Amino acid sequence: MSVAIRMTKIGKSANKNYHFRVVAIDSHKARDGRFLEELGYYDPSKKPAQIKLNLERIAYWVKCGAKQSDTVASLVKRAKKSQTKA
């Protein structure tokens, strides 16, 4: 089983106010399918965008061979950058 770290869409679709969960999921599952572990969330509707990620668990999954999507990789980079500022 190959694992991917990617985002699933949650929130209201009527007014396009989406939030996203960052999850570890089997790469063959659908975008909103059953995931292995929730690793954080991303809310772009807030100003500034709200990012909360469990960087330790993401590092664990990457060490185990999980592939990050491009978007998740950029969110992890932003989260690490903001963590070093604090």
N, C-alpha and C. Protein backbone atom coordinates (compact mmCIF):
# COMPACT_ATOMS: atom_id res chain seq x y z
N MET A 1 0.85 -1.18 0.00
CA MET A 1 0.00 0.00 0.00
C MET A 1 0.89 1.23 0.00
N SER A 2 0.67 2.11 -0.96
CA SER A 2 1.41 3.37 -0.99
C SER A 2 0.57 4.45 -0.34
N VAL A 3 1.21 5.21 0.51
CA VAL A 3 0.51 6.24 1.28
C VAL A 3 0.82 7.62 0.70
N ALA A 4 -0.20 8.46 0.66
CA ALA A 4 -0.05 9.83 0.21
C ALA A 4 -0.50 10.76 1.33
N ILE A 5 0.14 11.90 1.42
CA ILE A 5 -0.29 12.95 2.35
C ILE A 5 -0.89 14.04 1.49
N ARG A 6 -2.20 14.21 1.61
CA ARG A 6 -2.91 15.18 0.78
C ARG A 6 -4.07 15.79 1.54
N MET A 7 -4.79 16.67 0.87
CA MET A 7 -5.88 17.40 1.51
C MET A 7 -7.22 16.81 1.10
N THR A 8 -8.17 16.81 2.06
CA THR A 8 -9.55 16.47 1.77
C THR A 8 -10.38 17.71 2.00
N LYS A 9 -11.41 17.88 1.21
CA LYS A 9 -12.24 19.08 1.27
C LYS A 9 -13.39 18.87 2.25
N ILE A 10 -13.58 19.84 3.14
CA ILE A 10 -14.73 19.85 4.04
C ILE A 10 -15.30 21.25 4.01
N GLY A 11 -16.48 21.42 4.52
CA GLY A 11 -17.09 22.74 4.55
C GLY A 11 -18.32 22.80 3.67
N LYS A 12 -18.88 23.99 3.53
CA LYS A 12 -20.12 24.17 2.80
C LYS A 12 -19.84 24.47 1.33
N SER A 13 -20.49 23.71 0.46
CA SER A 13 -20.28 23.93 -0.96
C SER A 13 -21.25 24.96 -1.53
N ALA A 14 -22.34 25.27 -0.82
CA ALA A 14 -23.33 26.21 -1.33
C ALA A 14 -22.72 27.60 -1.54
N ASN A 15 -21.93 28.06 -0.60
CA ASN A 15 -21.31 29.37 -0.74
C ASN A 15 -19.79 29.26 -0.94
N LYS A 16 -19.32 28.06 -1.30
CA LYS A 16 -17.90 27.81 -1.61
C LYS A 16 -16.97 28.24 -0.47
N ASN A 17 -17.39 27.95 0.75
CA ASN A 17 -16.60 28.25 1.94
C ASN A 17 -15.95 26.96 2.41
N TYR A 18 -14.89 26.55 1.73
CA TYR A 18 -14.25 25.28 2.02
C TYR A 18 -13.14 25.41 3.05
N HIS A 19 -12.96 24.32 3.79
CA HIS A 19 -11.82 24.11 4.67
C HIS A 19 -11.20 22.81 4.21
N PHE A 20 -9.99 22.56 4.61
CA PHE A 20 -9.32 21.34 4.18
C PHE A 20 -8.67 20.65 5.36
N ARG A 21 -8.74 19.32 5.36
CA ARG A 21 -7.98 18.51 6.30
C ARG A 21 -6.76 17.99 5.58
N VAL A 22 -5.65 17.91 6.28
CA VAL A 22 -4.46 17.28 5.74
C VAL A 22 -4.44 15.88 6.35
N VAL A 23 -4.42 14.86 5.47
CA VAL A 23 -4.55 13.48 5.93
C VAL A 23 -3.52 12.58 5.28
N ALA A 24 -3.23 11.47 5.96
CA ALA A 24 -2.46 10.38 5.38
C ALA A 24 -3.51 9.39 4.87
N ILE A 25 -3.41 9.02 3.58
CA ILE A 25 -4.44 8.20 2.95
C ILE A 25 -3.78 7.25 1.96
N ASP A 26 -4.41 6.11 1.74
CA ASP A 26 -3.95 5.20 0.69
C ASP A 26 -4.07 5.94 -0.64
N SER A 27 -3.03 5.93 -1.43
CA SER A 27 -3.01 6.75 -2.64
C SER A 27 -4.04 6.31 -3.67
N HIS A 28 -4.60 5.12 -3.53
CA HIS A 28 -5.60 4.64 -4.49
C HIS A 28 -7.03 5.02 -4.08
N LYS A 29 -7.21 5.59 -2.92
CA LYS A 29 -8.54 5.99 -2.44
C LYS A 29 -8.95 7.32 -3.06
N ALA A 30 -10.24 7.59 -3.03
CA ALA A 30 -10.77 8.86 -3.53
C ALA A 30 -10.34 10.01 -2.63
N ARG A 31 -10.46 11.24 -3.14
CA ARG A 31 -10.02 12.42 -2.38
C ARG A 31 -10.68 12.50 -1.01
N ASP A 32 -11.98 12.23 -0.94
CA ASP A 32 -12.69 12.32 0.33
C ASP A 32 -12.95 10.94 0.94
N GLY A 33 -12.16 9.95 0.56
CA GLY A 33 -12.34 8.59 1.06
C GLY A 33 -11.83 8.42 2.48
N ARG A 34 -11.90 7.19 2.95
CA ARG A 34 -11.45 6.88 4.30
C ARG A 34 -9.94 7.06 4.40
N PHE A 35 -9.51 7.81 5.41
CA PHE A 35 -8.08 8.10 5.57
C PHE A 35 -7.50 7.33 6.74
N LEU A 36 -6.18 7.25 6.79
CA LEU A 36 -5.48 6.53 7.85
C LEU A 36 -5.33 7.38 9.10
N GLU A 37 -4.98 8.66 8.91
CA GLU A 37 -4.76 9.56 10.04
C GLU A 37 -4.94 11.01 9.61
N GLU A 38 -5.58 11.78 10.47
CA GLU A 38 -5.70 13.23 10.22
C GLU A 38 -4.45 13.89 10.79
N LEU A 39 -3.80 14.73 9.96
CA LEU A 39 -2.54 15.34 10.35
C LEU A 39 -2.63 16.84 10.59
N GLY A 40 -3.78 17.44 10.30
CA GLY A 40 -3.94 18.86 10.52
C GLY A 40 -5.05 19.42 9.67
N TYR A 41 -5.13 20.76 9.60
CA TYR A 41 -6.15 21.40 8.79
C TYR A 41 -5.63 22.70 8.21
N TYR A 42 -6.36 23.19 7.20
CA TYR A 42 -6.01 24.43 6.52
C TYR A 42 -7.31 25.15 6.22
N ASP A 43 -7.42 26.40 6.65
CA ASP A 43 -8.62 27.21 6.42
C ASP A 43 -8.22 28.48 5.68
N PRO A 44 -8.38 28.49 4.34
CA PRO A 44 -7.97 29.66 3.56
C PRO A 44 -8.94 30.83 3.66
N SER A 45 -10.13 30.62 4.23
CA SER A 45 -11.12 31.71 4.30
C SER A 45 -10.77 32.73 5.38
N LYS A 46 -9.98 32.36 6.35
CA LYS A 46 -9.53 33.30 7.39
C LYS A 46 -8.44 34.19 6.83
N LYS A 47 -8.32 35.38 7.35
CA LYS A 47 -7.25 36.29 6.95
C LYS A 47 -6.41 36.59 8.17
N PRO A 48 -5.17 36.17 8.27
CA PRO A 48 -4.43 35.32 7.34
C PRO A 48 -4.92 33.88 7.40
N ALA A 49 -4.61 33.11 6.39
CA ALA A 49 -5.04 31.72 6.31
C ALA A 49 -4.56 30.95 7.54
N GLN A 50 -5.43 30.11 8.08
CA GLN A 50 -5.13 29.38 9.30
C GLN A 50 -4.59 27.99 8.94
N ILE A 51 -3.39 27.69 9.42
CA ILE A 51 -2.75 26.41 9.16
C ILE A 51 -2.37 25.79 10.50
N LYS A 52 -2.80 24.56 10.73
CA LYS A 52 -2.43 23.82 11.94
C LYS A 52 -2.05 22.42 11.50
N LEU A 53 -0.77 22.09 11.62
CA LEU A 53 -0.27 20.79 11.18
C LEU A 53 0.52 20.12 12.29
N ASN A 54 0.41 18.81 12.37
CA ASN A 54 1.21 18.01 13.29
C ASN A 54 2.47 17.61 12.54
N LEU A 55 3.50 18.44 12.61
CA LEU A 55 4.72 18.25 11.82
C LEU A 55 5.47 16.98 12.19
N GLU A 56 5.37 16.56 13.45
CA GLU A 56 6.04 15.33 13.88
C GLU A 56 5.44 14.11 13.17
N ARG A 57 4.11 14.05 13.09
CA ARG A 57 3.45 12.92 12.43
C ARG A 57 3.67 12.96 10.91
N ILE A 58 3.71 14.15 10.35
CA ILE A 58 3.99 14.27 8.91
C ILE A 58 5.39 13.74 8.62
N ALA A 59 6.35 14.11 9.47
CA ALA A 59 7.72 13.62 9.30
C ALA A 59 7.77 12.09 9.44
N TYR A 60 6.98 11.55 10.35
CA TYR A 60 6.92 10.09 10.53
C TYR A 60 6.43 9.42 9.25
N TRP A 61 5.32 9.93 8.68
CA TRP A 61 4.76 9.33 7.48
C TRP A 61 5.72 9.46 6.29
N VAL A 62 6.39 10.59 6.18
CA VAL A 62 7.36 10.77 5.08
C VAL A 62 8.51 9.79 5.25
N LYS A 63 8.95 9.59 6.49
CA LYS A 63 10.02 8.63 6.77
C LYS A 63 9.59 7.21 6.40
N CYS A 64 8.30 6.92 6.55
CA CYS A 64 7.78 5.59 6.20
C CYS A 64 7.53 5.45 4.70
N GLY A 65 7.76 6.50 3.93
CA GLY A 65 7.64 6.40 2.48
C GLY A 65 6.44 7.10 1.87
N ALA A 66 5.70 7.87 2.65
CA ALA A 66 4.54 8.58 2.12
C ALA A 66 4.98 9.72 1.22
N LYS A 67 4.22 9.96 0.17
CA LYS A 67 4.50 11.05 -0.76
C LYS A 67 3.56 12.21 -0.44
N GLN A 68 4.11 13.42 -0.35
CA GLN A 68 3.30 14.61 -0.10
C GLN A 68 2.84 15.20 -1.44
N SER A 69 1.63 15.72 -1.45
CA SER A 69 1.20 16.45 -2.63
C SER A 69 1.95 17.78 -2.66
N ASP A 70 1.98 18.44 -3.80
CA ASP A 70 2.69 19.71 -3.92
C ASP A 70 2.11 20.76 -2.97
N THR A 71 0.79 20.79 -2.85
CA THR A 71 0.14 21.76 -1.98
C THR A 71 0.48 21.51 -0.51
N VAL A 72 0.45 20.26 -0.10
CA VAL A 72 0.78 19.92 1.29
C VAL A 72 2.24 20.26 1.57
N ALA A 73 3.12 20.00 0.63
CA ALA A 73 4.53 20.32 0.82
C ALA A 73 4.72 21.82 1.04
N SER A 74 3.99 22.64 0.29
CA SER A 74 4.11 24.10 0.49
C SER A 74 3.50 24.53 1.82
N LEU A 75 2.41 23.87 2.26
CA LEU A 75 1.83 24.19 3.56
C LEU A 75 2.78 23.81 4.70
N VAL A 76 3.45 22.67 4.56
CA VAL A 76 4.42 22.25 5.59
C VAL A 76 5.56 23.26 5.66
N LYS A 77 6.01 23.71 4.51
CA LYS A 77 7.07 24.70 4.46
C LYS A 77 6.65 26.00 5.16
N ARG A 78 5.41 26.45 4.88
CA ARG A 78 4.89 27.66 5.54
C ARG A 78 4.74 27.46 7.04
N ALA A 79 4.28 26.28 7.45
CA ALA A 79 4.09 26.00 8.88
C ALA A 79 5.43 25.99 9.61
N LYS A 80 6.45 25.40 8.98
CA LYS A 80 7.78 25.38 9.60
C LYS A 80 8.35 26.78 9.72
N LYS A 81 8.12 27.60 8.67
CA LYS A 81 8.62 28.96 8.69
C LYS A 81 7.96 29.78 9.80
N SER A 82 6.64 29.63 9.96
CA SER A 82 5.93 30.38 11.00
C SER A 82 6.27 29.85 12.39
N GLN A 83 6.60 28.56 12.49
CA GLN A 83 6.97 27.98 13.78
C GLN A 83 8.32 28.52 14.25
N THR A 84 9.25 28.75 13.34
CA THR A 84 10.55 29.27 13.73
C THR A 84 10.47 30.74 14.14
N LYS A 85 9.49 31.48 13.59
CA LYS A 85 9.31 32.88 13.98
C LYS A 85 8.79 33.01 15.40
N ALA A 86 7.95 32.07 15.82
CA ALA A 86 7.32 32.16 17.15
C ALA A 86 8.25 31.82 18.26
